[in-house]
């Protein structure tokens, strides 16, 4: 939790009372590899901050094919925000790809911090803006870049993630087949 508090204090002046509140609503957990934190179709009540490890969120289409939406590594947040915001059942599954240490928050409590501690608002806005920018970049990259360019960007953004993920996770994140991913990697090694 100290890492998260330092991160928050790097962006805002956090009162002692707000810090104590954050501690009181958080649970640090070590989650084994292959665990499911959120399952598609269930009620979503939790938001997770990643201290270590690697998680992914994905949806499954009507043909049973998985589509990776997000990888979450150190200092990233992950949940099914659509389900939380719209008070709907989860459309995403969130799983651990490695043993992961996370801080778990109840969504209502973390969202309620603003009414108790308005000083927290700039940090909450920063997180939201970072998330929106990340998703917008991802959409633009899908529309504008070639598969090879998207792969290069992925490797740059997640330099060590390939040891933690399966090829189909990466391929589904990039919007390509596993065969295309293999071809891109072979071409990269030839250069």
C-alpha atoms as a PDB file:
ATOM      1  CA  UNK A   1       0.000   0.000   0.000  1.00  0.00           C
ATOM      2  CA  UNK A   2       2.959   2.311   0.609  1.00  0.00           C
ATOM      3  CA  UNK A   3       3.725   2.317  -3.142  1.00  0.00           C
ATOM      4  CA  UNK A   4       0.199   3.444  -3.965  1.00  0.00           C
ATOM      5  CA  UNK A   5       0.232   6.128  -1.248  1.00  0.00           C
ATOM      6  CA  UNK A   6       3.565   7.445  -2.608  1.00  0.00           C
ATOM      7  CA  UNK A   7       2.088   7.513  -6.108  1.00  0.00           C
ATOM      8  CA  UNK A   8      -0.944   9.452  -4.866  1.00  0.00           C
ATOM      9  CA  UNK A   9       1.194  11.868  -2.845  1.00  0.00           C
ATOM     10  CA  UNK A  10       3.298  12.473  -5.960  1.00  0.00           C
ATOM     11  CA  UNK A  11       0.195  13.965  -7.594  1.00  0.00           C
ATOM     12  CA  UNK A  12      -1.735  15.580  -4.721  1.00  0.00           C
ATOM     13  CA  UNK A  13      -1.477  16.660  -1.092  1.00  0.00           C
ATOM     14  CA  UNK A  14      -3.123  13.774   0.735  1.00  0.00           C
ATOM     15  CA  UNK A  15      -4.295  14.414   4.286  1.00  0.00           C
ATOM     16  CA  UNK A  16      -3.554  11.949   7.053  1.00  0.00           C
ATOM     17  CA  UNK A  17      -7.283  11.262   7.369  1.00  0.00           C
ATOM     18  CA  UNK A  18      -7.602  10.459   3.640  1.00  0.00           C
ATOM     19  CA  UNK A  19      -4.549   8.208   3.851  1.00  0.00           C
ATOM     20  CA  UNK A  20      -6.052   6.354   6.817  1.00  0.00           C
ATOM     21  CA  UNK A  21      -9.326   5.991   4.921  1.00  0.00           C
ATOM     22  CA  UNK A  22      -7.500   4.463   1.931  1.00  0.00           C
ATOM     23  CA  UNK A  23      -5.805   1.968   4.225  1.00  0.00           C
ATOM     24  CA  UNK A  24      -9.142   1.130   5.847  1.00  0.00           C
ATOM     25  CA  UNK A  25     -10.865   0.312   2.528  1.00  0.00           C
ATOM     26  CA  UNK A  26      -8.005  -1.618   0.935  1.00  0.00           C
ATOM     27  CA  UNK A  27      -6.909  -5.235   1.092  1.00  0.00           C
ATOM     28  CA  UNK A  28      -3.501  -6.337  -0.106  1.00  0.00           C
ATOM     29  CA  UNK A  29      -3.658  -9.816  -1.612  1.00  0.00           C
ATOM     30  CA  UNK A  30      -1.320 -12.235  -3.329  1.00  0.00           C
ATOM     31  CA  UNK A  31      -3.298 -13.987  -6.050  1.00  0.00           C
ATOM     32  CA  UNK A  32      -2.044 -17.234  -7.636  1.00  0.00           C
ATOM     33  CA  UNK A  33      -1.414 -17.483 -11.373  1.00  0.00           C
ATOM     34  CA  UNK A  34      -4.553 -18.469 -13.295  1.00  0.00           C
ATOM     35  CA  UNK A  35      -7.020 -16.994 -10.810  1.00  0.00           C
ATOM     36  CA  UNK A  36     -10.159 -15.247 -12.012  1.00  0.00           C
ATOM     37  CA  UNK A  37     -10.956 -12.011 -10.184  1.00  0.00           C
ATOM     38  CA  UNK A  38     -13.970 -11.052 -12.286  1.00  0.00           C
ATOM     39  CA  UNK A  39     -15.978 -13.441 -14.432  1.00  0.00           C
ATOM     40  CA  UNK A  40     -18.156 -12.390 -17.342  1.00  0.00           C
ATOM     41  CA  UNK A  41     -21.797 -12.350 -16.244  1.00  0.00           C
ATOM     42  CA  UNK A  42     -21.205 -11.693 -12.550  1.00  0.00           C
ATOM     43  CA  UNK A  43     -21.811  -8.575 -10.468  1.00  0.00           C
ATOM     44  CA  UNK A  44     -18.693  -6.409 -10.220  1.00  0.00           C
ATOM     45  CA  UNK A  45     -17.900  -4.781  -6.895  1.00  0.00           C
ATOM     46  CA  UNK A  46     -14.080  -4.606  -6.918  1.00  0.00           C
ATOM     47  CA  UNK A  47     -11.327  -2.477  -8.452  1.00  0.00           C
ATOM     48  CA  UNK A  48      -7.715  -3.670  -8.367  1.00  0.00           C
ATOM     49  CA  UNK A  49      -4.390  -1.836  -8.245  1.00  0.00           C
ATOM     50  CA  UNK A  50      -1.456  -3.975  -9.369  1.00  0.00           C
ATOM     51  CA  UNK A  51       1.668  -3.974  -7.203  1.00  0.00           C
ATOM     52  CA  UNK A  52       3.357  -6.812  -9.085  1.00  0.00           C
ATOM     53  CA  UNK A  53       2.535  -9.472 -11.617  1.00  0.00           C
ATOM     54  CA  UNK A  54       0.418  -9.399 -14.731  1.00  0.00           C
ATOM     55  CA  UNK A  55      -3.351  -9.496 -15.178  1.00  0.00           C
ATOM     56  CA  UNK A  56      -5.495  -9.281 -18.266  1.00  0.00           C
ATOM     57  CA  UNK A  57      -9.086  -8.405 -19.030  1.00  0.00           C
ATOM     58  CA  UNK A  58     -10.850  -9.976 -21.961  1.00  0.00           C
ATOM     59  CA  UNK A  59     -14.246 -10.592 -23.464  1.00  0.00           C
ATOM     60  CA  UNK A  60     -15.485 -13.631 -25.328  1.00  0.00           C
ATOM     61  CA  UNK A  61     -17.427 -13.221 -28.560  1.00  0.00           C
ATOM     62  CA  UNK A  62     -20.452 -15.300 -29.604  1.00  0.00           C
ATOM     63  CA  UNK A  63     -18.123 -17.823 -31.288  1.00  0.00           C
ATOM     64  CA  UNK A  64     -16.146 -18.368 -28.078  1.00  0.00           C
ATOM     65  CA  UNK A  65     -13.090 -16.405 -29.249  1.00  0.00           C
ATOM     66  CA  UNK A  66     -11.305 -14.343 -26.592  1.00  0.00           C
ATOM     67  CA  UNK A  67     -10.396 -10.702 -27.222  1.00  0.00           C
ATOM     68  CA  UNK A  68      -7.884  -9.171 -24.810  1.00  0.00           C
ATOM     69  CA  UNK A  69      -8.798  -5.619 -23.885  1.00  0.00           C
ATOM     70  CA  UNK A  70      -6.091  -4.799 -21.358  1.00  0.00           C
ATOM     71  CA  UNK A  71      -2.966  -6.081 -19.700  1.00  0.00           C
ATOM     72  CA  UNK A  72      -2.355  -4.668 -16.225  1.00  0.00           C
ATOM     73  CA  UNK A  73       1.152  -4.639 -14.824  1.00  0.00           C
ATOM     74  CA  UNK A  74       2.768  -2.776 -11.926  1.00  0.00           C
ATOM     75  CA  UNK A  75       1.011   0.515 -11.074  1.00  0.00           C
ATOM     76  CA  UNK A  76      -2.000  -0.142 -13.323  1.00  0.00           C
ATOM     77  CA  UNK A  77      -5.650  -0.363 -12.293  1.00  0.00           C
ATOM     78  CA  UNK A  78      -7.986  -3.028 -13.654  1.00  0.00           C
ATOM     79  CA  UNK A  79     -11.662  -3.925 -13.367  1.00  0.00           C
ATOM     80  CA  UNK A  80     -14.775  -3.987 -15.529  1.00  0.00           C
ATOM     81  CA  UNK A  81     -15.502  -0.277 -15.322  1.00  0.00           C
ATOM     82  CA  UNK A  82     -18.463  -0.471 -17.707  1.00  0.00           C
ATOM     83  CA  UNK A  83     -20.207  -2.903 -15.362  1.00  0.00           C
ATOM     84  CA  UNK A  84     -19.437  -0.760 -12.312  1.00  0.00           C
ATOM     85  CA  UNK A  85     -20.430   2.534 -13.919  1.00  0.00           C
ATOM     86  CA  UNK A  86     -23.630   1.226 -15.526  1.00  0.00           C
ATOM     87  CA  UNK A  87     -24.505  -1.125 -12.649  1.00  0.00           C
ATOM     88  CA  UNK A  88     -24.575  -4.059 -15.090  1.00  0.00           C
ATOM     89  CA  UNK A  89     -23.222  -7.579 -15.042  1.00  0.00           C
ATOM     90  CA  UNK A  90     -19.623  -7.997 -16.156  1.00  0.00           C
ATOM     91  CA  UNK A  91     -18.898  -8.186 -19.864  1.00  0.00           C
ATOM     92  CA  UNK A  92     -15.222  -8.824 -19.132  1.00  0.00           C
ATOM     93  CA  UNK A  93     -13.245 -11.491 -17.368  1.00  0.00           C
ATOM     94  CA  UNK A  94     -10.176 -10.431 -15.364  1.00  0.00           C
ATOM     95  CA  UNK A  95      -7.558 -13.081 -14.656  1.00  0.00           C
ATOM     96  CA  UNK A  96      -4.019 -13.299 -13.321  1.00  0.00           C
ATOM     97  CA  UNK A  97      -1.409 -14.423 -15.853  1.00  0.00           C
ATOM     98  CA  UNK A  98       1.271 -14.651 -13.165  1.00  0.00           C
ATOM     99  CA  UNK A  99       1.188 -14.737  -9.402  1.00  0.00           C
ATOM    100  CA  UNK A 100       0.183 -11.158  -8.675  1.00  0.00           C
ATOM    101  CA  UNK A 101       0.146  -8.873  -5.686  1.00  0.00           C
ATOM    102  CA  UNK A 102      -2.784  -6.505  -5.833  1.00  0.00           C
ATOM    103  CA  UNK A 103      -4.592  -4.004  -3.682  1.00  0.00           C
ATOM    104  CA  UNK A 104      -8.312  -4.665  -3.759  1.00  0.00           C
ATOM    105  CA  UNK A 105     -10.852  -1.897  -3.279  1.00  0.00           C
ATOM    106  CA  UNK A 106     -14.614  -1.999  -3.044  1.00  0.00           C
ATOM    107  CA  UNK A 107     -15.769   0.125  -5.998  1.00  0.00           C
ATOM    108  CA  UNK A 108     -18.391   2.006  -3.986  1.00  0.00           C
ATOM    109  CA  UNK A 109     -15.896   2.855  -1.237  1.00  0.00           C
ATOM    110  CA  UNK A 110     -13.144   4.027  -3.585  1.00  0.00           C
ATOM    111  CA  UNK A 111     -15.658   6.071  -5.585  1.00  0.00           C
ATOM    112  CA  UNK A 112     -17.095   7.473  -2.348  1.00  0.00           C
ATOM    113  CA  UNK A 113     -13.737   8.888  -1.315  1.00  0.00           C
ATOM    114  CA  UNK A 114     -14.490  12.063  -3.264  1.00  0.00           C
ATOM    115  CA  UNK A 115     -17.403  13.036  -1.049  1.00  0.00           C
ATOM    116  CA  UNK A 116     -15.370  12.423   2.127  1.00  0.00           C
ATOM    117  CA  UNK A 117     -12.059  13.820   0.853  1.00  0.00           C
ATOM    118  CA  UNK A 118     -12.457  16.244  -2.083  1.00  0.00           C
ATOM    119  CA  UNK A 119      -8.655  16.654  -2.165  1.00  0.00           C
ATOM    120  CA  UNK A 120      -8.543  13.186  -3.794  1.00  0.00           C
ATOM    121  CA  UNK A 121     -10.398  14.417  -6.908  1.00  0.00           C
ATOM    122  CA  UNK A 122      -7.306  15.496  -8.916  1.00  0.00           C
ATOM    123  CA  UNK A 123      -5.768  12.038  -8.465  1.00  0.00           C
ATOM    124  CA  UNK A 124      -9.021  10.314  -9.440  1.00  0.00           C
ATOM    125  CA  UNK A 125      -9.210  12.567 -12.505  1.00  0.00           C
ATOM    126  CA  UNK A 126      -5.568  11.758 -13.361  1.00  0.00           C
ATOM    127  CA  UNK A 127      -6.313   8.016 -13.252  1.00  0.00           C
ATOM    128  CA  UNK A 128      -9.420   8.440 -15.378  1.00  0.00           C
ATOM    129  CA  UNK A 129      -7.635  10.626 -17.928  1.00  0.00           C
ATOM    130  CA  UNK A 130      -4.714   8.193 -18.146  1.00  0.00           C
ATOM    131  CA  UNK A 131      -7.143   5.333 -18.720  1.00  0.00           C
ATOM    132  CA  UNK A 132      -9.099   7.214 -21.394  1.00  0.00           C
ATOM    133  CA  UNK A 133      -5.894   8.286 -23.177  1.00  0.00           C
ATOM    134  CA  UNK A 134      -4.602   4.713 -23.092  1.00  0.00           C
ATOM    135  CA  UNK A 135      -7.813   3.328 -24.578  1.00  0.00           C
ATOM    136  CA  UNK A 136      -7.995   6.065 -27.221  1.00  0.00           C
ATOM    137  CA  UNK A 137      -4.397   5.400 -28.255  1.00  0.00           C
ATOM    138  CA  UNK A 138      -5.180   1.716 -28.466  1.00  0.00           C
ATOM    139  CA  UNK A 139      -8.186   2.351 -30.725  1.00  0.00           C
ATOM    140  CA  UNK A 140      -6.217   4.721 -32.958  1.00  0.00           C
ATOM    141  CA  UNK A 141      -3.345   2.251 -33.177  1.00  0.00           C
ATOM    142  CA  UNK A 142      -5.760  -0.500 -34.235  1.00  0.00           C
ATOM    143  CA  UNK A 143      -7.107   1.784 -36.966  1.00  0.00           C
ATOM    144  CA  UNK A 144      -3.895   3.385 -38.181  1.00  0.00           C
ATOM    145  CA  UNK A 145      -0.962   1.020 -37.652  1.00  0.00           C
ATOM    146  CA  UNK A 146       0.009  -2.178 -39.375  1.00  0.00           C
ATOM    147  CA  UNK A 147       0.110  -5.393 -37.359  1.00  0.00           C
ATOM    148  CA  UNK A 148       3.919  -5.218 -37.272  1.00  0.00           C
ATOM    149  CA  UNK A 149       3.824  -1.625 -36.020  1.00  0.00           C
ATOM    150  CA  UNK A 150       1.276  -2.556 -33.339  1.00  0.00           C
ATOM    151  CA  UNK A 151       3.548  -5.429 -32.262  1.00  0.00           C
ATOM    152  CA  UNK A 152       6.584  -3.100 -32.030  1.00  0.00           C
ATOM    153  CA  UNK A 153       4.569  -0.682 -29.911  1.00  0.00           C
ATOM    154  CA  UNK A 154       3.345  -3.539 -27.708  1.00  0.00           C
ATOM    155  CA  UNK A 155       6.922  -4.732 -27.083  1.00  0.00           C
ATOM    156  CA  UNK A 156       7.956  -1.168 -26.275  1.00  0.00           C
ATOM    157  CA  UNK A 157       5.067  -0.641 -23.848  1.00  0.00           C
ATOM    158  CA  UNK A 158       5.325  -4.082 -22.220  1.00  0.00           C
ATOM    159  CA  UNK A 159       9.004  -5.068 -22.564  1.00  0.00           C
ATOM    160  CA  UNK A 160       8.910  -8.082 -20.218  1.00  0.00           C
ATOM    161  CA  UNK A 161       5.339  -9.243 -20.611  1.00  0.00           C
ATOM    162  CA  UNK A 162       5.991 -11.922 -23.221  1.00  0.00           C
ATOM    163  CA  UNK A 163       7.358 -14.283 -20.555  1.00  0.00           C
ATOM    164  CA  UNK A 164       4.058 -13.966 -18.671  1.00  0.00           C
ATOM    165  CA  UNK A 165       1.592 -14.311 -21.520  1.00  0.00           C
ATOM    166  CA  UNK A 166       0.581 -16.870 -24.076  1.00  0.00           C
ATOM    167  CA  UNK A 167       0.822 -16.096 -27.768  1.00  0.00           C
ATOM    168  CA  UNK A 168      -2.950 -16.052 -28.170  1.00  0.00           C
ATOM    169  CA  UNK A 169      -3.215 -13.370 -25.436  1.00  0.00           C
ATOM    170  CA  UNK A 170      -0.855 -11.099 -27.358  1.00  0.00           C
ATOM    171  CA  UNK A 171      -2.404 -11.913 -30.739  1.00  0.00           C
ATOM    172  CA  UNK A 172      -5.915 -11.171 -29.453  1.00  0.00           C
ATOM    173  CA  UNK A 173      -4.703  -7.895 -27.922  1.00  0.00           C
ATOM    174  CA  UNK A 174      -3.159  -6.894 -31.254  1.00  0.00           C
ATOM    175  CA  UNK A 175      -6.222  -8.002 -33.212  1.00  0.00           C
ATOM    176  CA  UNK A 176      -4.310 -10.571 -35.278  1.00  0.00           C
ATOM    177  CA  UNK A 177      -4.069 -14.355 -35.529  1.00  0.00           C
ATOM    178  CA  UNK A 178      -1.388 -16.365 -33.753  1.00  0.00           C
ATOM    179  CA  UNK A 179       0.021 -17.269 -37.167  1.00  0.00           C
ATOM    180  CA  UNK A 180       0.386 -13.578 -38.059  1.00  0.00           C
ATOM    181  CA  UNK A 181       2.093 -12.958 -34.725  1.00  0.00           C
ATOM    182  CA  UNK A 182       4.556 -15.782 -35.447  1.00  0.00           C
ATOM    183  CA  UNK A 183       5.282 -14.358 -38.924  1.00  0.00           C
ATOM    184  CA  UNK A 184       5.911 -10.900 -37.482  1.00  0.00           C
ATOM    185  CA  UNK A 185       8.310 -12.303 -34.899  1.00  0.00           C
ATOM    186  CA  UNK A 186      10.193 -14.297 -37.541  1.00  0.00           C
ATOM    187  CA  UNK A 187      10.508 -11.184 -39.713  1.00  0.00           C
ATOM    188  CA  UNK A 188      11.804  -9.200 -36.720  1.00  0.00           C
ATOM    189  CA  UNK A 189      14.532 -11.776 -36.012  1.00  0.00           C
ATOM    190  CA  UNK A 190      15.695 -11.656 -39.655  1.00  0.00           C
ATOM    191  CA  UNK A 191      16.377  -7.906 -39.423  1.00  0.00           C
END
